[in-house]
Every structure is written in C-alpha cells, then in structure tokens.
N, C-alpha and C. Protein backbone atom coordinates (compact mmCIF):
# COMPACT_ATOMS: atom_id res chain seq x y z
N MET A 1 18.02 0.99 -4.55
CA MET A 1 17.49 2.24 -4.10
C MET A 1 18.59 2.99 -3.34
N ASN A 2 18.83 4.20 -3.69
CA ASN A 2 19.81 5.01 -2.97
C ASN A 2 19.08 5.99 -2.05
N ILE A 3 19.45 5.98 -0.81
CA ILE A 3 18.86 6.89 0.16
C ILE A 3 19.69 8.17 0.17
N LYS A 4 19.01 9.34 0.18
CA LYS A 4 19.70 10.63 0.11
C LYS A 4 20.73 10.78 1.22
N SER A 5 20.38 10.45 2.41
CA SER A 5 21.31 10.48 3.53
C SER A 5 20.88 9.38 4.48
N ASN A 6 21.55 9.25 5.56
CA ASN A 6 21.25 8.15 6.47
C ASN A 6 20.01 8.45 7.31
N TYR A 7 18.86 8.07 6.78
CA TYR A 7 17.63 8.16 7.55
C TYR A 7 17.53 6.93 8.42
N LYS A 8 17.37 7.12 9.68
CA LYS A 8 17.30 6.02 10.62
C LYS A 8 15.90 5.38 10.57
N ILE A 9 15.89 4.06 10.53
CA ILE A 9 14.64 3.31 10.51
C ILE A 9 13.76 3.73 11.68
N GLU A 10 14.37 3.88 12.83
CA GLU A 10 13.63 4.26 14.05
C GLU A 10 12.90 5.58 13.85
N ASP A 11 13.57 6.58 13.24
CA ASP A 11 12.97 7.90 13.05
C ASP A 11 11.85 7.88 12.02
N VAL A 12 12.07 7.17 10.91
CA VAL A 12 11.06 7.07 9.85
C VAL A 12 9.83 6.34 10.39
N SER A 13 10.06 5.25 11.08
CA SER A 13 8.98 4.45 11.66
C SER A 13 8.18 5.29 12.66
N LYS A 14 8.86 6.00 13.53
CA LYS A 14 8.19 6.84 14.54
C LYS A 14 7.33 7.91 13.87
N TYR A 15 7.86 8.53 12.80
CA TYR A 15 7.12 9.56 12.08
C TYR A 15 5.83 8.98 11.48
N ILE A 16 5.94 7.83 10.84
CA ILE A 16 4.76 7.21 10.21
C ILE A 16 3.74 6.81 11.27
N ILE A 17 4.20 6.30 12.40
CA ILE A 17 3.29 5.91 13.48
C ILE A 17 2.56 7.13 14.02
N GLU A 18 3.28 8.22 14.26
CA GLU A 18 2.67 9.42 14.83
C GLU A 18 1.80 10.17 13.83
N LYS A 19 2.29 10.35 12.63
CA LYS A 19 1.61 11.17 11.62
C LYS A 19 0.41 10.45 11.00
N PHE A 20 0.54 9.14 10.77
CA PHE A 20 -0.48 8.40 10.02
C PHE A 20 -1.18 7.33 10.86
N ASN A 21 -0.99 7.37 12.19
CA ASN A 21 -1.65 6.44 13.10
C ASN A 21 -1.38 4.98 12.71
N ALA A 22 -0.14 4.70 12.34
CA ALA A 22 0.24 3.35 11.94
C ALA A 22 0.49 2.48 13.16
N ILE A 23 0.40 1.19 12.94
CA ILE A 23 0.65 0.20 13.99
C ILE A 23 1.75 -0.73 13.48
N GLU A 24 2.74 -0.98 14.32
CA GLU A 24 3.82 -1.90 13.90
C GLU A 24 3.34 -3.33 14.09
N ILE A 25 3.62 -4.17 13.08
CA ILE A 25 3.30 -5.59 13.17
C ILE A 25 4.58 -6.40 13.01
N THR A 26 4.54 -7.64 13.47
CA THR A 26 5.71 -8.50 13.38
C THR A 26 5.79 -9.15 12.01
N LYS A 27 6.96 -9.70 11.71
CA LYS A 27 7.13 -10.44 10.46
C LYS A 27 6.19 -11.64 10.41
N ASP A 28 6.01 -12.28 11.55
CA ASP A 28 5.11 -13.45 11.60
C ASP A 28 3.67 -13.06 11.28
N GLU A 29 3.22 -11.93 11.83
CA GLU A 29 1.87 -11.46 11.51
C GLU A 29 1.73 -11.14 10.03
N PHE A 30 2.78 -10.53 9.48
CA PHE A 30 2.77 -10.20 8.05
C PHE A 30 2.73 -11.47 7.21
N LEU A 31 3.56 -12.44 7.53
CA LEU A 31 3.61 -13.69 6.77
C LEU A 31 2.31 -14.48 6.90
N GLU A 32 1.65 -14.36 8.03
CA GLU A 32 0.37 -15.06 8.21
C GLU A 32 -0.68 -14.56 7.23
N LYS A 33 -0.68 -13.25 6.97
CA LYS A 33 -1.64 -12.67 6.01
C LYS A 33 -1.15 -12.79 4.57
N ASN A 34 0.13 -13.02 4.37
CA ASN A 34 0.72 -13.12 3.03
C ASN A 34 1.34 -14.51 2.88
N LYS A 35 0.50 -15.50 2.79
CA LYS A 35 0.95 -16.88 2.78
C LYS A 35 1.77 -17.24 1.54
N ASP A 36 1.71 -16.41 0.50
CA ASP A 36 2.48 -16.69 -0.70
C ASP A 36 3.92 -16.19 -0.61
N MET A 37 4.28 -15.55 0.49
CA MET A 37 5.65 -15.08 0.70
C MET A 37 6.37 -16.03 1.65
N TYR A 38 7.69 -16.04 1.52
CA TYR A 38 8.51 -16.89 2.36
C TYR A 38 9.46 -16.03 3.20
N GLU A 39 9.93 -16.60 4.29
CA GLU A 39 10.81 -15.90 5.23
C GLU A 39 12.03 -15.28 4.54
N ASN A 40 12.64 -16.02 3.58
CA ASN A 40 13.84 -15.51 2.92
C ASN A 40 13.56 -14.31 2.01
N GLU A 41 12.31 -14.08 1.66
CA GLU A 41 11.95 -12.93 0.82
C GLU A 41 11.91 -11.63 1.62
N ILE A 42 11.93 -11.74 2.92
CA ILE A 42 11.83 -10.55 3.76
C ILE A 42 13.05 -10.39 4.66
N GLU A 43 14.20 -10.77 4.15
CA GLU A 43 15.44 -10.72 4.93
C GLU A 43 15.80 -9.31 5.40
N ASN A 44 15.71 -8.33 4.52
CA ASN A 44 16.13 -6.97 4.86
C ASN A 44 15.02 -6.13 5.49
N ILE A 45 13.91 -6.75 5.82
CA ILE A 45 12.81 -6.01 6.42
C ILE A 45 13.15 -5.69 7.87
N SER A 46 13.09 -4.42 8.18
CA SER A 46 13.37 -3.98 9.54
C SER A 46 12.08 -3.73 10.32
N ARG A 47 11.14 -3.04 9.68
CA ARG A 47 9.86 -2.71 10.32
C ARG A 47 8.73 -2.90 9.32
N ILE A 48 7.61 -3.37 9.83
CA ILE A 48 6.40 -3.49 9.03
C ILE A 48 5.32 -2.71 9.76
N LEU A 49 4.73 -1.76 9.06
CA LEU A 49 3.71 -0.90 9.66
C LEU A 49 2.42 -1.05 8.86
N LYS A 50 1.29 -0.99 9.56
CA LYS A 50 0.02 -1.01 8.86
C LYS A 50 -0.82 0.17 9.31
N ILE A 51 -1.56 0.70 8.35
CA ILE A 51 -2.48 1.80 8.61
C ILE A 51 -3.87 1.28 8.27
N GLU A 52 -4.76 1.29 9.25
CA GLU A 52 -6.12 0.80 9.04
C GLU A 52 -7.18 1.88 9.25
N ASP A 53 -6.77 3.05 9.68
CA ASP A 53 -7.69 4.14 9.93
C ASP A 53 -8.18 4.69 8.59
N GLU A 54 -9.43 4.39 8.24
CA GLU A 54 -9.96 4.76 6.92
C GLU A 54 -10.01 6.27 6.71
N GLU A 55 -10.21 7.02 7.78
CA GLU A 55 -10.25 8.48 7.66
C GLU A 55 -8.86 9.01 7.28
N ILE A 56 -7.83 8.49 7.93
CA ILE A 56 -6.46 8.90 7.60
C ILE A 56 -6.11 8.47 6.18
N ILE A 57 -6.45 7.24 5.83
CA ILE A 57 -6.16 6.76 4.47
C ILE A 57 -6.89 7.63 3.46
N GLY A 58 -8.14 7.97 3.73
CA GLY A 58 -8.90 8.84 2.83
C GLY A 58 -8.22 10.18 2.62
N ASN A 59 -7.58 10.71 3.66
CA ASN A 59 -6.87 11.99 3.54
C ASN A 59 -5.57 11.86 2.77
N LEU A 60 -5.07 10.64 2.61
CA LEU A 60 -3.82 10.42 1.87
C LEU A 60 -4.05 10.27 0.37
N LEU A 61 -5.30 10.09 -0.03
CA LEU A 61 -5.61 9.77 -1.42
C LEU A 61 -5.74 11.01 -2.30
N SER A 62 -5.25 10.88 -3.52
CA SER A 62 -5.49 11.91 -4.53
C SER A 62 -6.91 11.70 -5.07
N GLU A 63 -7.42 12.66 -5.81
CA GLU A 63 -8.76 12.53 -6.40
C GLU A 63 -8.81 11.33 -7.36
N ASN A 64 -7.76 11.14 -8.12
CA ASN A 64 -7.70 10.01 -9.04
C ASN A 64 -7.76 8.69 -8.29
N GLU A 65 -7.04 8.60 -7.17
CA GLU A 65 -7.05 7.39 -6.37
C GLU A 65 -8.43 7.13 -5.77
N LYS A 66 -9.12 8.18 -5.37
CA LYS A 66 -10.47 8.03 -4.82
C LYS A 66 -11.42 7.45 -5.88
N GLU A 67 -11.29 7.92 -7.11
CA GLU A 67 -12.12 7.39 -8.20
C GLU A 67 -11.79 5.93 -8.48
N GLU A 68 -10.49 5.59 -8.46
CA GLU A 68 -10.09 4.20 -8.68
C GLU A 68 -10.67 3.29 -7.61
N ILE A 69 -10.68 3.75 -6.37
CA ILE A 69 -11.22 2.94 -5.28
C ILE A 69 -12.71 2.72 -5.46
N LYS A 70 -13.45 3.74 -5.87
CA LYS A 70 -14.88 3.57 -6.10
C LYS A 70 -15.14 2.49 -7.14
N ILE A 71 -14.39 2.54 -8.24
CA ILE A 71 -14.54 1.55 -9.30
C ILE A 71 -14.17 0.16 -8.79
N THR A 72 -13.08 0.07 -8.04
CA THR A 72 -12.62 -1.21 -7.51
C THR A 72 -13.65 -1.81 -6.58
N ILE A 73 -14.17 -1.02 -5.65
CA ILE A 73 -15.17 -1.51 -4.69
C ILE A 73 -16.38 -2.05 -5.43
N GLU A 74 -16.84 -1.30 -6.42
CA GLU A 74 -18.01 -1.69 -7.18
C GLU A 74 -17.83 -3.05 -7.85
N HIS A 75 -16.66 -3.30 -8.36
CA HIS A 75 -16.45 -4.52 -9.13
C HIS A 75 -15.88 -5.68 -8.31
N LEU A 76 -15.25 -5.39 -7.18
CA LEU A 76 -14.76 -6.48 -6.33
C LEU A 76 -15.89 -7.19 -5.60
N LYS A 77 -17.04 -6.54 -5.51
CA LYS A 77 -18.19 -7.18 -4.87
C LYS A 77 -18.58 -8.45 -5.61
N GLU A 78 -18.26 -8.51 -6.90
CA GLU A 78 -18.64 -9.65 -7.73
C GLU A 78 -17.62 -10.78 -7.68
N ILE A 79 -16.44 -10.53 -7.13
CA ILE A 79 -15.39 -11.55 -7.09
C ILE A 79 -15.52 -12.34 -5.80
N GLU A 80 -15.57 -13.65 -5.92
CA GLU A 80 -15.77 -14.50 -4.74
C GLU A 80 -14.47 -14.85 -4.04
N ASN A 81 -13.40 -15.09 -4.76
CA ASN A 81 -12.16 -15.61 -4.18
C ASN A 81 -11.10 -14.53 -3.97
N CYS A 82 -11.50 -13.40 -3.48
CA CYS A 82 -10.55 -12.31 -3.22
C CYS A 82 -10.16 -12.36 -1.74
N SER A 83 -8.86 -12.46 -1.46
CA SER A 83 -8.42 -12.56 -0.07
C SER A 83 -8.75 -11.26 0.67
N THR A 84 -8.87 -11.38 1.96
CA THR A 84 -9.25 -10.24 2.79
C THR A 84 -8.23 -9.11 2.70
N SER A 85 -6.93 -9.43 2.80
CA SER A 85 -5.93 -8.36 2.77
C SER A 85 -5.87 -7.69 1.40
N ILE A 86 -6.00 -8.45 0.33
CA ILE A 86 -6.01 -7.85 -1.01
C ILE A 86 -7.23 -6.94 -1.16
N TYR A 87 -8.37 -7.40 -0.67
CA TYR A 87 -9.58 -6.59 -0.74
C TYR A 87 -9.41 -5.30 0.06
N GLU A 88 -8.89 -5.40 1.28
CA GLU A 88 -8.71 -4.22 2.12
C GLU A 88 -7.73 -3.23 1.49
N ILE A 89 -6.64 -3.73 0.93
CA ILE A 89 -5.65 -2.86 0.29
C ILE A 89 -6.25 -2.21 -0.95
N SER A 90 -6.95 -2.99 -1.76
CA SER A 90 -7.51 -2.49 -3.02
C SER A 90 -8.64 -1.49 -2.83
N THR A 91 -9.31 -1.57 -1.69
CA THR A 91 -10.45 -0.69 -1.46
C THR A 91 -10.13 0.47 -0.51
N GLY A 92 -8.86 0.68 -0.22
CA GLY A 92 -8.47 1.84 0.58
C GLY A 92 -8.74 1.69 2.06
N LYS A 93 -8.78 0.46 2.56
CA LYS A 93 -9.01 0.24 3.98
C LYS A 93 -7.74 -0.17 4.72
N LEU A 94 -6.66 -0.39 3.97
CA LEU A 94 -5.42 -0.86 4.58
C LEU A 94 -4.23 -0.42 3.73
N ILE A 95 -3.19 0.03 4.42
CA ILE A 95 -1.89 0.31 3.79
C ILE A 95 -0.84 -0.40 4.61
N ILE A 96 0.04 -1.11 3.93
CA ILE A 96 1.17 -1.78 4.58
C ILE A 96 2.44 -1.07 4.10
N VAL A 97 3.28 -0.66 5.04
CA VAL A 97 4.57 -0.05 4.70
C VAL A 97 5.66 -0.94 5.28
N ILE A 98 6.54 -1.39 4.41
CA ILE A 98 7.65 -2.24 4.81
C ILE A 98 8.92 -1.41 4.68
N LEU A 99 9.58 -1.18 5.79
CA LEU A 99 10.83 -0.41 5.80
C LEU A 99 11.98 -1.40 5.80
N GLU A 100 12.86 -1.26 4.82
CA GLU A 100 13.98 -2.17 4.66
C GLU A 100 15.27 -1.52 5.17
N SER A 101 16.15 -2.35 5.71
CA SER A 101 17.43 -1.88 6.18
C SER A 101 18.46 -2.99 6.03
N GLU A 102 19.57 -2.66 5.40
CA GLU A 102 20.64 -3.65 5.23
C GLU A 102 21.48 -3.78 6.50
N ASP A 103 21.52 -2.71 7.32
CA ASP A 103 22.32 -2.74 8.54
C ASP A 103 21.48 -2.70 9.82
N ASN A 104 20.16 -2.78 9.69
CA ASN A 104 19.21 -2.72 10.80
C ASN A 104 19.23 -1.38 11.54
N ILE A 105 19.84 -0.36 10.95
CA ILE A 105 19.86 0.96 11.57
C ILE A 105 19.31 2.01 10.60
N ASN A 106 19.85 2.03 9.38
CA ASN A 106 19.49 3.04 8.40
C ASN A 106 18.54 2.49 7.34
N LEU A 107 17.64 3.35 6.88
CA LEU A 107 16.70 2.99 5.83
C LEU A 107 17.45 2.72 4.53
N SER A 108 17.18 1.57 3.91
CA SER A 108 17.80 1.27 2.62
C SER A 108 16.77 1.12 1.51
N GLY A 109 15.50 1.06 1.87
CA GLY A 109 14.44 0.95 0.87
C GLY A 109 13.10 0.79 1.55
N PHE A 110 12.04 0.74 0.75
CA PHE A 110 10.70 0.53 1.30
C PHE A 110 9.81 -0.14 0.27
N ILE A 111 8.76 -0.76 0.77
CA ILE A 111 7.71 -1.31 -0.06
C ILE A 111 6.41 -0.78 0.53
N MET A 112 5.53 -0.32 -0.33
CA MET A 112 4.24 0.16 0.14
C MET A 112 3.15 -0.60 -0.59
N GLU A 113 2.31 -1.30 0.18
CA GLU A 113 1.16 -2.00 -0.37
C GLU A 113 -0.07 -1.19 -0.03
N GLY A 114 -0.77 -0.72 -1.03
CA GLY A 114 -1.92 0.14 -0.82
C GLY A 114 -1.69 1.47 -1.50
N ILE A 115 -2.70 2.31 -1.45
CA ILE A 115 -2.57 3.60 -2.12
C ILE A 115 -2.74 4.73 -1.12
N GLY A 116 -1.98 5.75 -1.36
CA GLY A 116 -2.00 6.96 -0.53
C GLY A 116 -0.86 7.83 -1.02
N GLU A 117 -1.19 8.70 -1.94
CA GLU A 117 -0.17 9.50 -2.62
C GLU A 117 0.70 10.30 -1.65
N ILE A 118 0.11 10.85 -0.60
CA ILE A 118 0.87 11.68 0.33
C ILE A 118 1.93 10.87 1.06
N LEU A 119 1.56 9.69 1.53
CA LEU A 119 2.52 8.82 2.21
C LEU A 119 3.59 8.34 1.24
N PHE A 120 3.17 7.97 0.04
CA PHE A 120 4.13 7.51 -0.96
C PHE A 120 5.12 8.63 -1.30
N ASP A 121 4.62 9.85 -1.45
CA ASP A 121 5.50 10.99 -1.75
C ASP A 121 6.49 11.24 -0.61
N TYR A 122 6.03 11.09 0.63
CA TYR A 122 6.94 11.24 1.77
C TYR A 122 8.05 10.20 1.69
N LEU A 123 7.68 8.94 1.49
CA LEU A 123 8.69 7.87 1.41
C LEU A 123 9.62 8.10 0.22
N MET A 124 9.07 8.56 -0.89
CA MET A 124 9.91 8.83 -2.07
C MET A 124 10.87 9.99 -1.81
N SER A 125 10.49 10.93 -0.96
CA SER A 125 11.37 12.06 -0.67
C SER A 125 12.65 11.61 0.03
N LEU A 126 12.62 10.42 0.60
CA LEU A 126 13.79 9.87 1.28
C LEU A 126 14.74 9.16 0.30
N ILE A 127 14.26 8.95 -0.91
CA ILE A 127 15.01 8.19 -1.91
C ILE A 127 15.70 9.16 -2.87
N ASP A 128 16.94 8.84 -3.23
CA ASP A 128 17.73 9.71 -4.08
C ASP A 128 17.50 9.49 -5.57
N GLU A 129 16.97 8.36 -5.94
CA GLU A 129 16.77 8.07 -7.36
C GLU A 129 15.31 7.82 -7.64
N PRO A 130 14.86 8.18 -8.84
CA PRO A 130 13.45 7.93 -9.17
C PRO A 130 13.22 6.43 -9.35
N ILE A 131 12.08 5.96 -8.85
CA ILE A 131 11.71 4.57 -9.07
C ILE A 131 10.30 4.54 -9.61
N GLU A 132 9.96 3.45 -10.22
CA GLU A 132 8.63 3.31 -10.79
C GLU A 132 7.78 2.46 -9.88
N LYS A 133 6.50 2.73 -9.91
CA LYS A 133 5.54 1.94 -9.16
C LYS A 133 5.51 0.53 -9.75
N ASN A 134 5.51 -0.48 -8.90
CA ASN A 134 5.43 -1.86 -9.36
C ASN A 134 4.09 -2.14 -9.99
N TYR A 135 4.07 -3.13 -10.85
CA TYR A 135 2.84 -3.54 -11.49
C TYR A 135 1.89 -4.13 -10.46
N ASN A 136 0.67 -3.70 -10.48
CA ASN A 136 -0.38 -4.23 -9.63
C ASN A 136 -1.40 -4.88 -10.54
N GLU A 137 -1.72 -6.14 -10.28
CA GLU A 137 -2.66 -6.87 -11.11
C GLU A 137 -3.99 -6.14 -11.27
N LEU A 138 -4.40 -5.45 -10.22
CA LEU A 138 -5.70 -4.77 -10.26
C LEU A 138 -5.68 -3.49 -11.08
N ASP A 139 -4.50 -2.90 -11.31
CA ASP A 139 -4.43 -1.67 -12.11
C ASP A 139 -5.03 -1.86 -13.49
N GLU A 140 -4.72 -3.00 -14.12
CA GLU A 140 -5.23 -3.29 -15.45
C GLU A 140 -6.75 -3.47 -15.41
N VAL A 141 -7.23 -4.16 -14.40
CA VAL A 141 -8.67 -4.37 -14.24
C VAL A 141 -9.37 -3.03 -13.99
N ILE A 142 -8.79 -2.21 -13.14
CA ILE A 142 -9.38 -0.90 -12.84
C ILE A 142 -9.46 -0.05 -14.10
N GLU A 143 -8.40 -0.05 -14.88
CA GLU A 143 -8.40 0.72 -16.13
C GLU A 143 -9.49 0.23 -17.07
N GLU A 144 -9.61 -1.08 -17.20
CA GLU A 144 -10.62 -1.65 -18.08
C GLU A 144 -12.02 -1.34 -17.58
N LEU A 145 -12.23 -1.48 -16.26
CA LEU A 145 -13.54 -1.25 -15.69
C LEU A 145 -13.95 0.22 -15.69
N SER A 146 -12.99 1.12 -15.72
CA SER A 146 -13.33 2.55 -15.72
C SER A 146 -14.03 2.95 -17.01
N HIS A 147 -13.88 2.13 -18.06
CA HIS A 147 -14.54 2.41 -19.33
C HIS A 147 -15.90 1.71 -19.44
N TYR A 148 -16.21 0.83 -18.49
CA TYR A 148 -17.44 0.06 -18.50
C TYR A 148 -18.58 0.90 -17.96
N ARG A 149 -19.64 0.97 -18.69
CA ARG A 149 -20.84 1.67 -18.25
C ARG A 149 -22.04 0.73 -18.45
N PRO A 150 -22.74 0.40 -17.40
CA PRO A 150 -23.90 -0.48 -17.56
C PRO A 150 -25.02 0.25 -18.29
N TYR A 151 -25.89 -0.52 -18.97
CA TYR A 151 -26.98 0.07 -19.74
C TYR A 151 -28.09 0.61 -18.86
N GLY A 152 -28.24 0.08 -17.68
CA GLY A 152 -29.33 0.52 -16.82
C GLY A 152 -30.60 -0.25 -17.14
N LYS A 153 -31.75 0.26 -16.70
CA LYS A 153 -33.03 -0.43 -16.91
C LYS A 153 -33.46 -0.34 -18.36
N PHE A 154 -34.06 -1.42 -18.80
CA PHE A 154 -34.63 -1.45 -20.15
C PHE A 154 -36.03 -0.86 -20.07
N VAL A 155 -36.31 0.10 -20.90
CA VAL A 155 -37.62 0.75 -20.89
C VAL A 155 -38.30 0.50 -22.22
N LYS A 156 -39.56 0.06 -22.18
CA LYS A 156 -40.33 -0.17 -23.41
C LYS A 156 -40.97 1.09 -23.88
C-alpha cells in the first residue's frame, strides 16, 4: 500500500476517535477476541480502534450495506456457533480499524473489519493506489440469502 504523503498515525487515530467516537484497544485485547491470530501477524500494527456506537455506525452505512445487514441479521439468528465479534461485525454493531505503521510514526496501511462506507472511503483517501476489498466469508452467504424468499403461511 502506498500512502499519498506522510500521514501520521497519531493524527489519523485522533481523527477517527473524535469523528467516529472510536475507542483505542490494546493488541492483547484484540488478540483475546481474535484467538485465531498470532502475535507475529500483527507486527506492523500501531493502533487498533473499535467503534461500537450503533448510531454512528448506522450513519456510516450506504443503503446497500443497510440491506445486507438486515439479511445477515435475519439469517445469523439460525447459526449457533457464530462468535460474538464476528456476529457484531457482521450485523453492524462493531467496526475494528487497524492502523499499520512500519516506522511507528507514519501510516503505512490499514485493515478495517466491519462495514461503513464513509469510514472506508476516508481511509482509502489516504492511500495512493487502488486496493480491493478482501474476501469476506459472509459476502457469499449474504448474496445467496438475498435471493431467498420464504413461502410464508400455507393457506387452504
């Protein structure tokens, strides 16, 4: 990822905290909720921020994202083994922003878990090259479920 200019991690983090009511969490807190990740996978992580304010998250969503969340909520109710953080992220109750820095001063990249087009667009505005959204396992399920329509009550 190429950053357009030297955006300081401190400035980007402060903006996200003030604008989106984010809370900074430690690497240990992050790893506790993401047990499938290891310490060496987060070497360049400088700051980890979480947004849990549902009203703010709702304001970050596009209309398409709002529809996806409705479908996801409806169908995740049926899944028994869905972790809490995956459920919260998938249903628009949590966004995690990981700010990466190779020198611990300037932004060198980011990871965003959750949906919120406005926040994603802001973070992308800091990047000089286009990148693609990573594959999310639930995207395929959401697409499939969006075509599903229950029959409703049977009437004689």
